[in-house]
């Protein structure tokens, strides 16, 4: 797997490109700024880029509105396609943020539920009760991720949700030729979904890399031959941080 040897450079596009925090709907071709940084990235010796969210969202990128459309604040799909082409020409792999645990309130399917209620064909895409209410007084209750109701939790046991996600990933490979995904809050994702995702991606493109965001615990429950190739080692990160900043060498030794 190429990712085991590559050096990654992370870009949070909305911040890196100076986009406004709120999605104002104004089209600006900010993502093209990445092209100017390719020589610098090469000089650093990095040969892979992990992009934090690039798709249409309400604010910070992790509250997705549409998995098929580059955020208007960053530009167009064609803009991002050209960026990916230039990165690949420079020998730099492209990994995108796969935010599949939750979406934003502006997500098109959730908006349909708010409008049509029981009659929405997407009501089972989420964990919803029409007998309750939300913090936004929607007249229905829905599960927000870890109590954050700006982030609407997806039902990853719903086949239509799974197929929608898979079709979007397939589109990202076809349109942008991406080389892998970093899975946001992978420790929260349904394990059966992760197994199916691995199988799907294995058949999509050779050496398609899957890395998951995990905190602590036994990383092998997510990182194995049937799920993810790798995970984030936050335990090691915290130990390194404490070692250098607090001179707490015990923590890095333990982790």
C-alpha atoms as a PDB file:
ATOM      1  CA  UNK A   1       0.000   0.000   0.000  1.00  0.00           C
ATOM      2  CA  UNK A   2       1.504   3.309  -1.161  1.00  0.00           C
ATOM      3  CA  UNK A   3       0.256   5.231   1.895  1.00  0.00           C
ATOM      4  CA  UNK A   4       2.533   3.329   4.265  1.00  0.00           C
ATOM      5  CA  UNK A   5       5.555   5.024   2.691  1.00  0.00           C
ATOM      6  CA  UNK A   6       4.168   8.426   1.682  1.00  0.00           C
ATOM      7  CA  UNK A   7       4.514  11.717   3.531  1.00  0.00           C
ATOM      8  CA  UNK A   8       1.167  13.478   3.993  1.00  0.00           C
ATOM      9  CA  UNK A   9       0.444  17.215   3.907  1.00  0.00           C
ATOM     10  CA  UNK A  10      -2.950  18.222   5.315  1.00  0.00           C
ATOM     11  CA  UNK A  11      -4.990  21.126   3.994  1.00  0.00           C
ATOM     12  CA  UNK A  12      -8.210  22.425   5.553  1.00  0.00           C
ATOM     13  CA  UNK A  13      -9.481  24.087   2.358  1.00  0.00           C
ATOM     14  CA  UNK A  14     -12.071  26.474   3.807  1.00  0.00           C
ATOM     15  CA  UNK A  15      -9.495  28.012   6.137  1.00  0.00           C
ATOM     16  CA  UNK A  16      -6.498  27.641   3.836  1.00  0.00           C
ATOM     17  CA  UNK A  17      -8.320  29.449   1.034  1.00  0.00           C
ATOM     18  CA  UNK A  18      -9.795  32.178   3.251  1.00  0.00           C
ATOM     19  CA  UNK A  19     -13.461  31.259   2.773  1.00  0.00           C
ATOM     20  CA  UNK A  20     -16.131  32.833   5.007  1.00  0.00           C
ATOM     21  CA  UNK A  21     -17.327  30.642   7.886  1.00  0.00           C
ATOM     22  CA  UNK A  22     -20.993  30.796   6.883  1.00  0.00           C
ATOM     23  CA  UNK A  23     -21.904  29.461   3.458  1.00  0.00           C
ATOM     24  CA  UNK A  24     -23.005  32.659   1.738  1.00  0.00           C
ATOM     25  CA  UNK A  25     -23.742  30.902  -1.559  1.00  0.00           C
ATOM     26  CA  UNK A  26     -21.367  33.194  -3.447  1.00  0.00           C
ATOM     27  CA  UNK A  27     -19.228  31.316  -5.960  1.00  0.00           C
ATOM     28  CA  UNK A  28     -15.516  32.007  -5.520  1.00  0.00           C
ATOM     29  CA  UNK A  29     -12.774  29.947  -7.166  1.00  0.00           C
ATOM     30  CA  UNK A  30     -10.645  29.814  -4.021  1.00  0.00           C
ATOM     31  CA  UNK A  31      -9.582  26.162  -4.286  1.00  0.00           C
ATOM     32  CA  UNK A  32      -7.294  27.076  -7.196  1.00  0.00           C
ATOM     33  CA  UNK A  33      -4.964  28.599  -4.596  1.00  0.00           C
ATOM     34  CA  UNK A  34      -3.721  25.059  -3.926  1.00  0.00           C
ATOM     35  CA  UNK A  35      -2.015  25.063  -7.337  1.00  0.00           C
ATOM     36  CA  UNK A  36       0.335  27.821  -6.173  1.00  0.00           C
ATOM     37  CA  UNK A  37       1.459  25.693  -3.235  1.00  0.00           C
ATOM     38  CA  UNK A  38       2.380  22.545  -5.149  1.00  0.00           C
ATOM     39  CA  UNK A  39       6.079  23.525  -5.519  1.00  0.00           C
ATOM     40  CA  UNK A  40       6.252  24.201  -1.770  1.00  0.00           C
ATOM     41  CA  UNK A  41       4.635  20.848  -0.962  1.00  0.00           C
ATOM     42  CA  UNK A  42       7.093  19.092  -3.273  1.00  0.00           C
ATOM     43  CA  UNK A  43      10.004  20.914  -1.640  1.00  0.00           C
ATOM     44  CA  UNK A  44       8.897  19.633   1.753  1.00  0.00           C
ATOM     45  CA  UNK A  45       9.077  16.089   0.430  1.00  0.00           C
ATOM     46  CA  UNK A  46       5.357  15.438   0.835  1.00  0.00           C
ATOM     47  CA  UNK A  47       3.829  13.206  -1.812  1.00  0.00           C
ATOM     48  CA  UNK A  48       0.245  12.911  -0.588  1.00  0.00           C
ATOM     49  CA  UNK A  49      -2.364  15.484   0.383  1.00  0.00           C
ATOM     50  CA  UNK A  50      -5.215  14.897   2.781  1.00  0.00           C
ATOM     51  CA  UNK A  51      -7.947  17.446   2.123  1.00  0.00           C
ATOM     52  CA  UNK A  52     -10.334  18.172   4.973  1.00  0.00           C
ATOM     53  CA  UNK A  53     -13.934  18.599   3.702  1.00  0.00           C
ATOM     54  CA  UNK A  54     -14.328  20.150   0.255  1.00  0.00           C
ATOM     55  CA  UNK A  55     -18.022  19.483  -0.389  1.00  0.00           C
ATOM     56  CA  UNK A  56     -20.971  21.838   0.029  1.00  0.00           C
ATOM     57  CA  UNK A  57     -21.691  22.402   3.707  1.00  0.00           C
ATOM     58  CA  UNK A  58     -23.504  24.719   6.094  1.00  0.00           C
ATOM     59  CA  UNK A  59     -20.387  26.160   7.735  1.00  0.00           C
ATOM     60  CA  UNK A  60     -17.169  24.329   8.704  1.00  0.00           C
ATOM     61  CA  UNK A  61     -17.279  21.501   6.183  1.00  0.00           C
ATOM     62  CA  UNK A  62     -18.284  18.667   8.489  1.00  0.00           C
ATOM     63  CA  UNK A  63     -21.992  19.571   8.206  1.00  0.00           C
ATOM     64  CA  UNK A  64     -22.427  18.446   4.607  1.00  0.00           C
ATOM     65  CA  UNK A  65     -25.228  19.641   2.355  1.00  0.00           C
ATOM     66  CA  UNK A  66     -24.294  17.750  -0.803  1.00  0.00           C
ATOM     67  CA  UNK A  67     -21.631  15.062  -1.322  1.00  0.00           C
ATOM     68  CA  UNK A  68     -21.580  15.611  -5.078  1.00  0.00           C
ATOM     69  CA  UNK A  69     -20.787  19.322  -5.244  1.00  0.00           C
ATOM     70  CA  UNK A  70     -17.640  21.230  -4.283  1.00  0.00           C
ATOM     71  CA  UNK A  71     -18.444  23.942  -1.737  1.00  0.00           C
ATOM     72  CA  UNK A  72     -19.477  27.133  -3.519  1.00  0.00           C
ATOM     73  CA  UNK A  73     -17.061  29.078  -1.316  1.00  0.00           C
ATOM     74  CA  UNK A  74     -14.210  27.024  -2.823  1.00  0.00           C
ATOM     75  CA  UNK A  75     -15.262  26.922  -6.462  1.00  0.00           C
ATOM     76  CA  UNK A  76     -16.616  24.371  -8.890  1.00  0.00           C
ATOM     77  CA  UNK A  77     -16.125  20.663  -9.471  1.00  0.00           C
ATOM     78  CA  UNK A  78     -14.105  21.609 -12.539  1.00  0.00           C
ATOM     79  CA  UNK A  79     -11.817  23.761 -10.379  1.00  0.00           C
ATOM     80  CA  UNK A  80     -11.126  20.912  -7.997  1.00  0.00           C
ATOM     81  CA  UNK A  81     -10.677  18.489 -10.863  1.00  0.00           C
ATOM     82  CA  UNK A  82      -7.905  20.695 -12.254  1.00  0.00           C
ATOM     83  CA  UNK A  83      -6.256  20.892  -8.812  1.00  0.00           C
ATOM     84  CA  UNK A  84      -6.277  17.103  -8.500  1.00  0.00           C
ATOM     85  CA  UNK A  85      -4.856  16.738 -12.013  1.00  0.00           C
ATOM     86  CA  UNK A  86      -1.993  19.089 -11.179  1.00  0.00           C
ATOM     87  CA  UNK A  87      -1.281  17.279  -7.927  1.00  0.00           C
ATOM     88  CA  UNK A  88      -1.190  13.930  -9.686  1.00  0.00           C
ATOM     89  CA  UNK A  89       1.126  15.324 -12.364  1.00  0.00           C
ATOM     90  CA  UNK A  90       3.480  16.284  -9.533  1.00  0.00           C
ATOM     91  CA  UNK A  91       3.334  12.737  -8.171  1.00  0.00           C
ATOM     92  CA  UNK A  92       1.149  13.717  -5.214  1.00  0.00           C
ATOM     93  CA  UNK A  93      -1.680  11.401  -4.121  1.00  0.00           C
ATOM     94  CA  UNK A  94      -5.070  12.847  -3.129  1.00  0.00           C
ATOM     95  CA  UNK A  95      -7.066  11.710  -0.087  1.00  0.00           C
ATOM     96  CA  UNK A  96     -10.438  13.264   0.754  1.00  0.00           C
ATOM     97  CA  UNK A  97     -12.331  13.528   4.031  1.00  0.00           C
ATOM     98  CA  UNK A  98     -15.215  11.055   4.084  1.00  0.00           C
ATOM     99  CA  UNK A  99     -17.749  12.486   6.532  1.00  0.00           C
ATOM    100  CA  UNK A 100     -20.322   9.693   6.618  1.00  0.00           C
ATOM    101  CA  UNK A 101     -21.389   9.575  10.258  1.00  0.00           C
ATOM    102  CA  UNK A 102     -23.473  12.724  10.000  1.00  0.00           C
ATOM    103  CA  UNK A 103     -24.563  15.540   7.700  1.00  0.00           C
ATOM    104  CA  UNK A 104     -25.655  19.138   8.195  1.00  0.00           C
ATOM    105  CA  UNK A 105     -29.195  20.376   8.662  1.00  0.00           C
ATOM    106  CA  UNK A 106     -28.909  21.769   5.149  1.00  0.00           C
ATOM    107  CA  UNK A 107     -28.386  18.288   3.673  1.00  0.00           C
ATOM    108  CA  UNK A 108     -30.877  17.930   0.833  1.00  0.00           C
ATOM    109  CA  UNK A 109     -32.490  14.720   2.146  1.00  0.00           C
ATOM    110  CA  UNK A 110     -32.933  16.120   5.651  1.00  0.00           C
ATOM    111  CA  UNK A 111     -34.485  19.262   4.214  1.00  0.00           C
ATOM    112  CA  UNK A 112     -36.966  17.022   2.403  1.00  0.00           C
ATOM    113  CA  UNK A 113     -37.873  15.381   5.725  1.00  0.00           C
ATOM    114  CA  UNK A 114     -38.409  18.761   7.394  1.00  0.00           C
ATOM    115  CA  UNK A 115     -40.738  19.742   4.554  1.00  0.00           C
ATOM    116  CA  UNK A 116     -42.696  16.521   3.949  1.00  0.00           C
ATOM    117  CA  UNK A 117     -42.463  14.775   7.325  1.00  0.00           C
ATOM    118  CA  UNK A 118     -43.946  11.264   7.153  1.00  0.00           C
ATOM    119  CA  UNK A 119     -44.335  11.579   3.390  1.00  0.00           C
ATOM    120  CA  UNK A 120     -40.618  12.049   2.793  1.00  0.00           C
ATOM    121  CA  UNK A 121     -38.952   9.023   1.160  1.00  0.00           C
ATOM    122  CA  UNK A 122     -35.808   9.935   3.129  1.00  0.00           C
ATOM    123  CA  UNK A 123     -37.230   9.807   6.655  1.00  0.00           C
ATOM    124  CA  UNK A 124     -35.473   6.490   7.340  1.00  0.00           C
ATOM    125  CA  UNK A 125     -32.106   7.927   6.294  1.00  0.00           C
ATOM    126  CA  UNK A 126     -31.910   9.397   9.797  1.00  0.00           C
ATOM    127  CA  UNK A 127     -32.859   8.463  13.360  1.00  0.00           C
ATOM    128  CA  UNK A 128     -36.136  10.380  13.669  1.00  0.00           C
ATOM    129  CA  UNK A 129     -39.156  10.420  15.957  1.00  0.00           C
ATOM    130  CA  UNK A 130     -42.209  12.400  14.903  1.00  0.00           C
ATOM    131  CA  UNK A 131     -43.477  12.293  18.495  1.00  0.00           C
ATOM    132  CA  UNK A 132     -40.786  14.638  19.792  1.00  0.00           C
ATOM    133  CA  UNK A 133     -39.183  17.969  19.035  1.00  0.00           C
ATOM    134  CA  UNK A 134     -35.698  19.294  18.361  1.00  0.00           C
ATOM    135  CA  UNK A 135     -33.608  22.155  19.690  1.00  0.00           C
ATOM    136  CA  UNK A 136     -34.632  23.999  16.523  1.00  0.00           C
ATOM    137  CA  UNK A 137     -38.364  23.483  17.189  1.00  0.00           C
ATOM    138  CA  UNK A 138     -38.749  21.390  14.027  1.00  0.00           C
ATOM    139  CA  UNK A 139     -41.760  19.514  15.365  1.00  0.00           C
ATOM    140  CA  UNK A 140     -39.781  16.277  15.209  1.00  0.00           C
ATOM    141  CA  UNK A 141     -36.860  14.765  17.090  1.00  0.00           C
ATOM    142  CA  UNK A 142     -33.696  13.547  15.405  1.00  0.00           C
ATOM    143  CA  UNK A 143     -30.421  12.161  16.671  1.00  0.00           C
ATOM    144  CA  UNK A 144     -27.582  14.639  16.540  1.00  0.00           C
ATOM    145  CA  UNK A 145     -24.004  13.456  16.768  1.00  0.00           C
ATOM    146  CA  UNK A 146     -22.922  13.516  20.416  1.00  0.00           C
ATOM    147  CA  UNK A 147     -25.694  15.966  21.245  1.00  0.00           C
ATOM    148  CA  UNK A 148     -24.720  18.423  18.510  1.00  0.00           C
ATOM    149  CA  UNK A 149     -27.918  19.058  16.566  1.00  0.00           C
ATOM    150  CA  UNK A 150     -26.121  20.919  13.796  1.00  0.00           C
ATOM    151  CA  UNK A 151     -24.839  17.454  12.846  1.00  0.00           C
ATOM    152  CA  UNK A 152     -27.649  15.089  11.853  1.00  0.00           C
ATOM    153  CA  UNK A 153     -26.646  11.454  12.338  1.00  0.00           C
ATOM    154  CA  UNK A 154     -27.080   9.219   9.297  1.00  0.00           C
ATOM    155  CA  UNK A 155     -28.653   5.772   9.537  1.00  0.00           C
ATOM    156  CA  UNK A 156     -25.828   3.605   8.203  1.00  0.00           C
ATOM    157  CA  UNK A 157     -28.065   0.551   8.482  1.00  0.00           C
ATOM    158  CA  UNK A 158     -30.296   1.934   5.743  1.00  0.00           C
ATOM    159  CA  UNK A 159     -29.478   0.449   2.343  1.00  0.00           C
ATOM    160  CA  UNK A 160     -30.417   3.596   0.425  1.00  0.00           C
ATOM    161  CA  UNK A 161     -28.016   5.653   2.553  1.00  0.00           C
ATOM    162  CA  UNK A 162     -25.212   3.166   1.932  1.00  0.00           C
ATOM    163  CA  UNK A 163     -25.821   3.113  -1.811  1.00  0.00           C
ATOM    164  CA  UNK A 164     -25.929   6.915  -1.939  1.00  0.00           C
ATOM    165  CA  UNK A 165     -22.573   7.139  -0.171  1.00  0.00           C
ATOM    166  CA  UNK A 166     -21.057   4.489  -2.429  1.00  0.00           C
ATOM    167  CA  UNK A 167     -22.301   6.239  -5.560  1.00  0.00           C
ATOM    168  CA  UNK A 168     -20.746   9.505  -4.362  1.00  0.00           C
ATOM    169  CA  UNK A 169     -17.386   7.838  -3.680  1.00  0.00           C
ATOM    170  CA  UNK A 170     -17.503   6.259  -7.132  1.00  0.00           C
ATOM    171  CA  UNK A 171     -18.174   9.724  -8.549  1.00  0.00           C
ATOM    172  CA  UNK A 172     -15.193  11.184  -6.677  1.00  0.00           C
ATOM    173  CA  UNK A 173     -12.916   8.544  -8.181  1.00  0.00           C
ATOM    174  CA  UNK A 174     -14.297   9.077 -11.677  1.00  0.00           C
ATOM    175  CA  UNK A 175     -14.277  12.881 -11.490  1.00  0.00           C
ATOM    176  CA  UNK A 176     -11.230  13.640  -9.346  1.00  0.00           C
ATOM    177  CA  UNK A 177      -9.291  10.336  -9.489  1.00  0.00           C
ATOM    178  CA  UNK A 178      -8.854  10.362  -5.711  1.00  0.00           C
ATOM    179  CA  UNK A 179      -6.549   7.800  -4.113  1.00  0.00           C
ATOM    180  CA  UNK A 180      -8.192   7.289  -0.748  1.00  0.00           C
ATOM    181  CA  UNK A 181     -10.410   8.488   2.082  1.00  0.00           C
ATOM    182  CA  UNK A 182      -9.892   9.618   5.645  1.00  0.00           C
ATOM    183  CA  UNK A 183     -13.034   8.612   7.531  1.00  0.00           C
ATOM    184  CA  UNK A 184     -14.242  11.190  10.024  1.00  0.00           C
ATOM    185  CA  UNK A 185     -15.088   9.806  13.506  1.00  0.00           C
ATOM    186  CA  UNK A 186     -14.508   6.268  12.241  1.00  0.00           C
ATOM    187  CA  UNK A 187     -14.843   5.041  15.829  1.00  0.00           C
ATOM    188  CA  UNK A 188     -18.556   5.916  15.602  1.00  0.00           C
ATOM    189  CA  UNK A 189     -19.203   4.181  12.275  1.00  0.00           C
ATOM    190  CA  UNK A 190     -21.145   0.936  12.031  1.00  0.00           C
ATOM    191  CA  UNK A 191     -18.685  -1.955  11.650  1.00  0.00           C
ATOM    192  CA  UNK A 192     -20.769  -3.689   9.002  1.00  0.00           C
ATOM    193  CA  UNK A 193     -20.754  -0.448   7.029  1.00  0.00           C
ATOM    194  CA  UNK A 194     -16.961  -0.280   7.294  1.00  0.00           C
ATOM    195  CA  UNK A 195     -16.635  -3.842   6.000  1.00  0.00           C
ATOM    196  CA  UNK A 196     -18.883  -3.092   3.053  1.00  0.00           C
ATOM    197  CA  UNK A 197     -17.036   0.162   2.394  1.00  0.00           C
ATOM    198  CA  UNK A 198     -13.692  -1.665   2.298  1.00  0.00           C
ATOM    199  CA  UNK A 199     -15.047  -4.275  -0.106  1.00  0.00           C
ATOM    200  CA  UNK A 200     -16.573  -1.603  -2.331  1.00  0.00           C
ATOM    201  CA  UNK A 201     -13.416   0.514  -2.435  1.00  0.00           C
ATOM    202  CA  UNK A 202     -11.178  -2.507  -3.064  1.00  0.00           C
ATOM    203  CA  UNK A 203     -13.134  -3.080  -6.263  1.00  0.00           C
ATOM    204  CA  UNK A 204     -13.160   0.585  -7.201  1.00  0.00           C
ATOM    205  CA  UNK A 205      -9.462   1.315  -7.629  1.00  0.00           C
ATOM    206  CA  UNK A 206      -6.252  -0.618  -6.903  1.00  0.00           C
ATOM    207  CA  UNK A 207      -4.592   0.363  -3.603  1.00  0.00           C
ATOM    208  CA  UNK A 208      -7.442   2.670  -2.603  1.00  0.00           C
ATOM    209  CA  UNK A 209      -6.442   3.803   0.891  1.00  0.00           C
ATOM    210  CA  UNK A 210      -8.805   3.940   3.870  1.00  0.00           C
ATOM    211  CA  UNK A 211      -7.687   5.562   7.116  1.00  0.00           C
ATOM    212  CA  UNK A 212     -10.028   6.181  10.023  1.00  0.00           C
ATOM    213  CA  UNK A 213     -10.118   8.771  12.772  1.00  0.00           C
ATOM    214  CA  UNK A 214      -9.941   6.905  16.085  1.00  0.00           C
ATOM    215  CA  UNK A 215      -9.236   8.072  19.622  1.00  0.00           C
ATOM    216  CA  UNK A 216      -8.253   5.274  21.988  1.00  0.00           C
ATOM    217  CA  UNK A 217      -8.904   1.617  22.644  1.00  0.00           C
ATOM    218  CA  UNK A 218      -7.839  -1.385  20.602  1.00  0.00           C
ATOM    219  CA  UNK A 219      -7.181   0.020  17.127  1.00  0.00           C
ATOM    220  CA  UNK A 220      -7.400  -3.483  15.630  1.00  0.00           C
ATOM    221  CA  UNK A 221     -11.184  -3.367  15.929  1.00  0.00           C
ATOM    222  CA  UNK A 222     -11.135  -0.887  13.030  1.00  0.00           C
ATOM    223  CA  UNK A 223      -7.765  -1.588  11.400  1.00  0.00           C
ATOM    224  CA  UNK A 224      -7.736  -5.079   9.911  1.00  0.00           C
ATOM    225  CA  UNK A 225      -7.907  -6.971   6.626  1.00  0.00           C
ATOM    226  CA  UNK A 226     -11.663  -6.475   6.244  1.00  0.00           C
ATOM    227  CA  UNK A 227     -12.044  -2.841   7.338  1.00  0.00           C
ATOM    228  CA  UNK A 228      -9.468  -0.017   7.382  1.00  0.00           C
ATOM    229  CA  UNK A 229      -5.853  -0.037   6.263  1.00  0.00           C
ATOM    230  CA  UNK A 230      -4.815   2.394   8.987  1.00  0.00           C
ATOM    231  CA  UNK A 231      -6.110   4.634  11.771  1.00  0.00           C
ATOM    232  CA  UNK A 232      -5.067   7.822  13.521  1.00  0.00           C
ATOM    233  CA  UNK A 233      -2.981   7.123  16.603  1.00  0.00           C
ATOM    234  CA  UNK A 234      -4.257   9.849  18.905  1.00  0.00           C
ATOM    235  CA  UNK A 235      -2.869   8.068  21.954  1.00  0.00           C
ATOM    236  CA  UNK A 236       0.630   8.393  20.520  1.00  0.00           C
ATOM    237  CA  UNK A 237      -0.030  12.004  19.510  1.00  0.00           C
ATOM    238  CA  UNK A 238      -1.053  12.943  23.051  1.00  0.00           C
ATOM    239  CA  UNK A 239       1.991  11.171  24.459  1.00  0.00           C
ATOM    240  CA  UNK A 240       4.305  13.028  22.094  1.00  0.00           C
ATOM    241  CA  UNK A 241       2.643  16.328  22.949  1.00  0.00           C
ATOM    242  CA  UNK A 242       2.993  15.777  26.684  1.00  0.00           C
ATOM    243  CA  UNK A 243       6.562  14.548  26.352  1.00  0.00           C
ATOM    244  CA  UNK A 244       7.747  17.734  24.683  1.00  0.00           C
ATOM    245  CA  UNK A 245       5.521  20.248  26.447  1.00  0.00           C
ATOM    246  CA  UNK A 246       5.246  18.837  29.972  1.00  0.00           C
ATOM    247  CA  UNK A 247       8.363  16.665  30.031  1.00  0.00           C
ATOM    248  CA  UNK A 248       6.047  13.768  30.836  1.00  0.00           C
ATOM    249  CA  UNK A 249       8.081  10.931  29.342  1.00  0.00           C
ATOM    250  CA  UNK A 250       6.007   8.320  31.160  1.00  0.00           C
ATOM    251  CA  UNK A 251       3.000   9.043  28.955  1.00  0.00           C
ATOM    252  CA  UNK A 252       4.789   8.454  25.637  1.00  0.00           C
ATOM    253  CA  UNK A 253       6.399   5.340  27.096  1.00  0.00           C
ATOM    254  CA  UNK A 254       2.957   4.049  28.074  1.00  0.00           C
ATOM    255  CA  UNK A 255       1.258   4.904  24.772  1.00  0.00           C
END
